[in-house]
Amino acid sequence: MKKLALVLLMLCPFVLFAQTGKVYDNLTLNSKILKSERKYAIYLPPDYETSGRSYPVLYLLHGGGDDQTGWVQFGEVLNITDKAIRDGIATPMIIVMPDANTGRRGYYNDIKGDWNYEDFFFTELVPFVEKKYRIKSDKHYRAVAGLSMGGGGSFVYALHHPEMFSSACPLSASTGFLSLDDAKAGISKNTPNLPDSTISKYYNRYSVLALVNAIPDDQKKAVRWFMDIGDDDFLYEGNGLVHNLMRKKEIPHEYRVRDGAHNWTYWRASLPNVLEFVSQAFHQY
């Protein structure tokens, strides 16, 4: 009996080591705003089923052409997050990955007002998941991150709602139009006959440069920023301009340029850094 107990005791570390989180990548909720069923994926940490406690949450946004399965299939969110938690780099957290590729592509409200994805995200998705799962519904325990199109989404969501997010981590981010003239040319090409006032309003609402430039002094430290871009990324210019503007306005942020391009090899390497960065806020330093 003593030998059996000893064997079980020796096996315990391996049993704990083998614990893994769970990912569900084909979940749905009904959206009245988008008039459709919306899919999302979710990562639940290894001890979710047994702990009974509530967890911080990271909203992790995919890029253009992917859907809610992007970070699951290509980003290896399960293995990377499990390892980060196991190694003590990240605190156990819930990760929500919404689909912004079905119906229309993107995380923003459409300029014509007939596809309001951002409204869906904040008034339907966030309340739904934070009621359904054991999520700490407090700014300190909520973060947003994303790649490319989702990097733009994480920029804009945190800039629009600094009262909601403790940290934001745009990776290889699409920063939107770099000037109002660019916005007028680009938007008019795809959506002709719009008044200049409508385009200007949209530019000020969804250009990261315009939003950062408008941050009031008392909000400069409202969100912790971690930005990451590859030196061969085609979106390098926009990210560099945002970084320089943040420096000029004395907005604290981390800015990383690593060897790499606009691909999953780069973003998989970024994810552990994101998990560590948001965990610092979840721990309240």
Protein backbone atom coordinates (compact mmCIF):
# COMPACT_ATOMS: atom_id res chain seq x y z
CA MET A 1 0.00 0.00 0.00
CA LYS A 2 2.85 2.35 0.88
CA LYS A 3 4.56 1.54 -2.42
CA LEU A 4 1.35 2.33 -4.32
CA ALA A 5 1.00 5.65 -2.51
CA LEU A 6 4.63 6.47 -3.31
CA VAL A 7 4.11 5.66 -7.00
CA LEU A 8 1.00 7.86 -7.12
CA LEU A 9 2.86 10.68 -5.41
CA MET A 10 5.67 10.44 -7.94
CA LEU A 11 3.17 10.52 -10.78
CA CYS A 12 1.39 13.67 -9.53
CA PRO A 13 3.76 16.15 -11.19
CA PHE A 14 3.28 14.38 -14.50
CA VAL A 15 -0.50 14.41 -14.11
CA LEU A 16 -0.42 18.14 -13.37
CA PHE A 17 1.99 18.71 -16.24
CA ALA A 18 -0.40 16.91 -18.57
CA GLN A 19 -3.29 19.24 -17.70
CA THR A 20 -4.36 21.24 -20.71
CA GLY A 21 -6.85 23.95 -21.46
CA LYS A 22 -9.76 23.45 -23.81
CA VAL A 23 -10.64 25.21 -27.04
CA TYR A 24 -14.10 25.33 -28.60
CA ASP A 25 -14.03 26.92 -32.04
CA ASN A 26 -17.57 26.61 -33.41
CA LEU A 27 -19.71 28.35 -30.80
CA THR A 28 -22.46 30.81 -31.70
CA LEU A 29 -24.60 33.63 -30.39
CA ASN A 30 -27.47 35.40 -32.07
CA SER A 31 -26.92 39.03 -33.05
CA LYS A 32 -29.88 41.34 -33.47
CA ILE A 33 -27.53 44.11 -34.60
CA LEU A 34 -26.00 42.05 -37.43
CA LYS A 35 -29.18 40.03 -37.99
CA SER A 36 -27.28 36.74 -38.01
CA GLU A 37 -25.79 33.94 -35.97
CA ARG A 38 -22.25 34.93 -35.06
CA LYS A 39 -19.51 32.42 -34.39
CA TYR A 40 -16.74 32.66 -31.84
CA ALA A 41 -14.01 30.45 -30.41
CA ILE A 42 -12.93 30.30 -26.78
CA TYR A 43 -9.93 29.05 -24.83
CA LEU A 44 -10.59 27.92 -21.27
CA PRO A 45 -7.55 27.46 -18.99
CA PRO A 46 -6.53 24.04 -17.60
CA ASP A 47 -8.17 24.46 -14.20
CA TYR A 48 -11.41 26.06 -15.44
CA GLU A 49 -13.58 22.99 -14.79
CA THR A 50 -12.20 22.35 -11.29
CA SER A 51 -11.43 25.73 -9.74
CA GLY A 52 -14.83 27.41 -9.59
CA ARG A 53 -13.14 30.83 -9.68
CA SER A 54 -13.48 33.66 -12.19
CA TYR A 55 -10.78 34.57 -14.70
CA PRO A 56 -9.41 37.57 -16.57
CA VAL A 57 -10.20 37.70 -20.28
CA LEU A 58 -8.26 38.45 -23.44
CA TYR A 59 -10.19 39.27 -26.62
CA LEU A 60 -7.95 37.98 -29.40
CA LEU A 61 -8.82 39.22 -32.90
CA HIS A 62 -7.95 37.46 -36.15
CA GLY A 63 -6.73 39.02 -39.38
CA GLY A 64 -8.38 39.51 -42.75
CA GLY A 65 -9.23 36.27 -44.53
CA ASP A 66 -9.31 34.23 -41.31
CA ASP A 67 -12.21 33.69 -38.95
CA GLN A 68 -12.62 32.67 -35.31
CA THR A 69 -10.57 29.53 -35.98
CA GLY A 70 -7.47 31.43 -37.18
CA TRP A 71 -5.75 31.72 -33.82
CA VAL A 72 -6.78 28.14 -33.02
CA GLN A 73 -5.66 26.47 -36.24
CA PHE A 74 -2.68 28.58 -37.30
CA GLY A 75 -1.84 30.50 -34.12
CA GLU A 76 -1.69 27.38 -31.91
CA VAL A 77 -3.37 29.32 -29.11
CA LEU A 78 -4.03 26.16 -27.07
CA ASN A 79 -0.44 24.87 -26.93
CA ILE A 80 1.17 28.31 -26.61
CA THR A 81 -1.16 29.50 -23.84
CA ASP A 82 -0.96 26.23 -21.93
CA LYS A 83 2.85 26.43 -22.02
CA ALA A 84 2.87 30.11 -20.98
CA ILE A 85 0.66 29.31 -17.98
CA ARG A 86 2.68 26.21 -17.10
CA ASP A 87 5.95 28.16 -17.27
CA GLY A 88 4.59 30.95 -15.09
CA ILE A 89 4.82 33.53 -17.90
CA ALA A 90 1.05 34.04 -18.03
CA THR A 91 -1.72 33.84 -15.50
CA PRO A 92 -4.64 31.50 -16.29
CA MET A 93 -7.08 33.42 -18.45
CA ILE A 94 -10.01 32.99 -20.81
CA ILE A 95 -9.38 33.93 -24.43
CA VAL A 96 -12.32 34.92 -26.66
CA MET A 97 -11.82 34.87 -30.44
CA PRO A 98 -14.78 36.31 -32.41
CA ASP A 99 -15.49 35.86 -36.12
CA ALA A 100 -15.22 39.10 -38.11
CA ASN A 101 -15.14 37.49 -41.54
CA THR A 102 -18.74 36.34 -42.11
CA GLY A 103 -21.21 38.67 -43.83
CA ARG A 104 -18.64 41.41 -44.17
CA ARG A 105 -15.01 41.55 -43.22
CA GLY A 106 -13.85 43.82 -40.43
CA TYR A 107 -14.27 44.95 -36.82
CA TYR A 108 -15.64 48.45 -37.46
CA ASN A 109 -19.06 49.93 -38.10
CA ASP A 110 -19.61 50.38 -41.83
CA ILE A 111 -19.46 53.94 -43.12
CA LYS A 112 -23.01 53.58 -44.49
CA GLY A 113 -24.33 52.44 -41.12
CA ASP A 114 -25.79 49.14 -42.33
CA TRP A 115 -23.25 46.74 -40.75
CA ASN A 116 -22.30 47.80 -37.25
CA TYR A 117 -19.80 45.17 -36.11
CA GLU A 118 -18.25 47.35 -33.41
CA ASP A 119 -21.69 47.87 -31.86
CA PHE A 120 -22.22 44.09 -31.93
CA PHE A 121 -18.88 43.51 -30.20
CA PHE A 122 -19.51 45.84 -27.28
CA THR A 123 -23.27 45.58 -26.77
CA GLU A 124 -23.83 41.90 -27.60
CA LEU A 125 -20.65 39.78 -27.68
CA VAL A 126 -18.88 41.10 -24.56
CA PRO A 127 -21.96 40.96 -22.28
CA PHE A 128 -22.85 37.51 -23.65
CA VAL A 129 -19.51 35.82 -23.02
CA GLU A 130 -18.90 37.58 -19.72
CA LYS A 131 -22.23 36.27 -18.44
CA LYS A 132 -21.88 32.77 -19.92
CA TYR A 133 -18.33 32.14 -18.64
CA ARG A 134 -16.72 32.88 -15.30
CA ILE A 135 -15.05 36.11 -16.40
CA LYS A 136 -14.01 39.00 -14.18
CA SER A 137 -15.98 41.91 -15.62
CA ASP A 138 -13.62 44.69 -14.63
CA LYS A 139 -11.21 46.84 -16.64
CA HIS A 140 -8.17 45.49 -14.77
CA TYR A 141 -8.99 41.96 -15.94
CA ARG A 142 -9.87 42.67 -19.57
CA ALA A 143 -7.44 43.04 -22.49
CA VAL A 144 -7.57 43.07 -26.27
CA ALA A 145 -5.02 41.96 -28.87
CA GLY A 146 -5.01 41.04 -32.53
CA LEU A 147 -3.03 40.70 -35.71
CA SER A 148 -3.21 42.73 -38.93
CA MET A 149 -6.91 43.61 -39.37
CA GLY A 150 -7.36 42.45 -35.77
CA GLY A 151 -4.41 44.62 -34.74
CA GLY A 152 -6.33 47.57 -36.11
CA GLY A 153 -9.38 46.36 -34.22
CA SER A 154 -7.44 46.14 -30.96
CA PHE A 155 -6.07 49.66 -31.48
CA VAL A 156 -9.50 51.14 -32.20
CA TYR A 157 -11.41 49.24 -29.51
CA ALA A 158 -8.99 50.27 -26.77
CA LEU A 159 -8.86 53.87 -28.04
CA HIS A 160 -12.66 54.06 -28.20
CA HIS A 161 -13.12 52.38 -24.81
CA PRO A 162 -10.08 53.00 -22.57
CA GLU A 163 -12.40 52.52 -19.60
CA MET A 164 -12.84 48.86 -20.58
CA PHE A 165 -9.32 47.56 -21.30
CA SER A 166 -6.25 47.45 -19.08
CA SER A 167 -3.96 46.47 -21.98
CA ALA A 168 -3.98 46.42 -25.76
CA CYS A 169 -1.54 44.54 -27.98
CA PRO A 170 -1.77 45.36 -31.72
CA LEU A 171 0.44 43.00 -33.75
CA SER A 172 1.42 43.88 -37.33
CA ALA A 173 -1.54 46.22 -37.14
CA SER A 174 -3.52 47.75 -39.93
CA THR A 175 -3.59 51.37 -38.72
CA GLY A 176 -6.12 52.71 -41.24
CA PHE A 177 -5.72 55.66 -43.55
CA LEU A 178 -2.59 57.67 -42.79
CA SER A 179 -4.13 61.01 -43.80
CA LEU A 180 -7.53 62.52 -44.48
CA ASP A 181 -6.63 62.89 -48.18
CA ASP A 182 -5.84 59.17 -48.33
CA ALA A 183 -9.20 58.45 -46.71
CA LYS A 184 -11.08 60.61 -49.19
CA ALA A 185 -9.39 58.92 -52.14
CA GLY A 186 -9.75 55.38 -50.81
CA ILE A 187 -13.29 55.59 -49.50
CA SER A 188 -14.64 57.49 -52.52
CA LYS A 189 -13.22 54.81 -54.82
CA ASN A 190 -15.16 52.04 -53.08
CA THR A 191 -18.17 54.05 -51.92
CA PRO A 192 -18.74 56.98 -54.30
CA ASN A 193 -20.92 60.04 -53.70
CA LEU A 194 -20.33 60.26 -49.96
CA PRO A 195 -20.14 63.79 -48.54
CA ASP A 196 -16.69 64.94 -47.41
CA SER A 197 -18.11 65.45 -43.92
CA THR A 198 -19.07 61.76 -43.70
CA ILE A 199 -15.59 60.68 -44.80
CA SER A 200 -13.91 63.07 -42.37
CA LYS A 201 -16.04 61.77 -39.52
CA TYR A 202 -15.19 58.18 -40.44
CA TYR A 203 -11.48 58.98 -40.72
CA ASN A 204 -11.44 60.58 -37.28
CA ARG A 205 -13.31 57.58 -35.88
CA TYR A 206 -11.19 54.79 -37.39
CA SER A 207 -7.75 56.15 -38.24
CA VAL A 208 -5.38 55.11 -35.46
CA LEU A 209 -3.24 58.20 -36.05
CA ALA A 210 -6.27 60.49 -35.69
CA LEU A 211 -7.43 58.69 -32.55
CA VAL A 212 -3.99 58.77 -30.90
CA ASN A 213 -3.60 62.44 -31.75
CA ALA A 214 -6.91 63.14 -30.02
CA ILE A 215 -6.07 61.39 -26.72
CA PRO A 216 -6.51 63.93 -23.92
CA ASP A 217 -3.67 64.41 -21.46
CA ASP A 218 -5.54 62.76 -18.58
CA GLN A 219 -6.04 59.59 -20.64
CA LYS A 220 -2.45 59.03 -21.76
CA LYS A 221 -1.91 56.25 -19.24
CA ALA A 222 -5.42 54.78 -19.39
CA VAL A 223 -4.30 51.75 -21.43
CA ARG A 224 -1.03 49.83 -21.40
CA TRP A 225 0.21 49.43 -24.99
CA PHE A 226 2.34 46.69 -26.53
CA MET A 227 3.00 47.03 -30.27
CA ASP A 228 4.89 44.48 -32.35
CA ILE A 229 5.82 44.63 -36.06
CA GLY A 230 8.23 42.73 -38.29
CA ASP A 231 10.99 44.63 -40.07
CA ASP A 232 9.83 43.19 -43.40
CA ASP A 233 6.12 43.77 -42.79
CA PHE A 234 4.27 45.80 -45.45
CA LEU A 235 2.40 47.59 -42.62
CA TYR A 236 5.66 48.80 -41.07
CA GLU A 237 5.15 52.47 -42.04
CA GLY A 238 1.81 52.94 -40.29
CA ASN A 239 3.01 51.27 -37.10
CA GLY A 240 6.16 53.38 -37.10
CA LEU A 241 4.11 56.56 -37.49
CA VAL A 242 1.86 55.58 -34.57
CA HIS A 243 4.92 54.80 -32.44
CA ASN A 244 6.50 58.18 -33.27
CA LEU A 245 3.25 60.01 -32.52
CA MET A 246 2.93 58.23 -29.17
CA ARG A 247 6.49 59.24 -28.32
CA LYS A 248 5.77 62.84 -29.29
CA LYS A 249 2.62 62.92 -27.16
CA GLU A 250 4.44 61.12 -24.30
CA ILE A 251 2.05 58.18 -24.27
CA PRO A 252 3.74 55.22 -22.53
CA HIS A 253 3.98 52.15 -24.75
CA GLU A 254 6.17 49.20 -25.64
CA TYR A 255 7.20 49.04 -29.30
CA ARG A 256 8.99 46.00 -30.69
CA VAL A 257 10.49 45.49 -34.14
CA ARG A 258 11.71 41.96 -34.74
CA ASP A 259 13.08 40.09 -37.73
CA GLY A 260 10.10 38.84 -39.68
CA ALA A 261 7.25 39.49 -42.06
CA HIS A 262 3.45 39.45 -42.13
CA ASN A 263 2.87 35.78 -41.38
CA TRP A 264 1.92 33.20 -38.76
CA THR A 265 5.53 32.36 -37.99
CA TYR A 266 5.87 35.90 -36.69
CA TRP A 267 2.56 35.99 -34.80
CA ARG A 268 3.05 32.64 -33.08
CA ALA A 269 6.31 34.04 -31.69
CA SER A 270 4.46 37.20 -30.59
CA LEU A 271 1.72 35.44 -28.63
CA PRO A 272 3.81 34.49 -25.54
CA ASN A 273 4.89 38.14 -25.26
CA VAL A 274 1.27 39.25 -25.45
CA LEU A 275 0.19 36.77 -22.78
CA GLU A 276 2.99 37.92 -20.48
CA PHE A 277 2.21 41.61 -21.05
CA VAL A 278 -1.52 41.37 -20.38
CA SER A 279 -0.88 39.15 -17.34
CA GLN A 280 1.12 41.97 -15.75
CA ALA A 281 -2.02 44.11 -15.71
CA PHE A 282 -4.18 41.18 -14.60
CA HIS A 283 -1.85 40.86 -11.62
CA GLN A 284 -2.11 44.64 -11.17
CA TYR A 285 1.71 44.79 -11.34
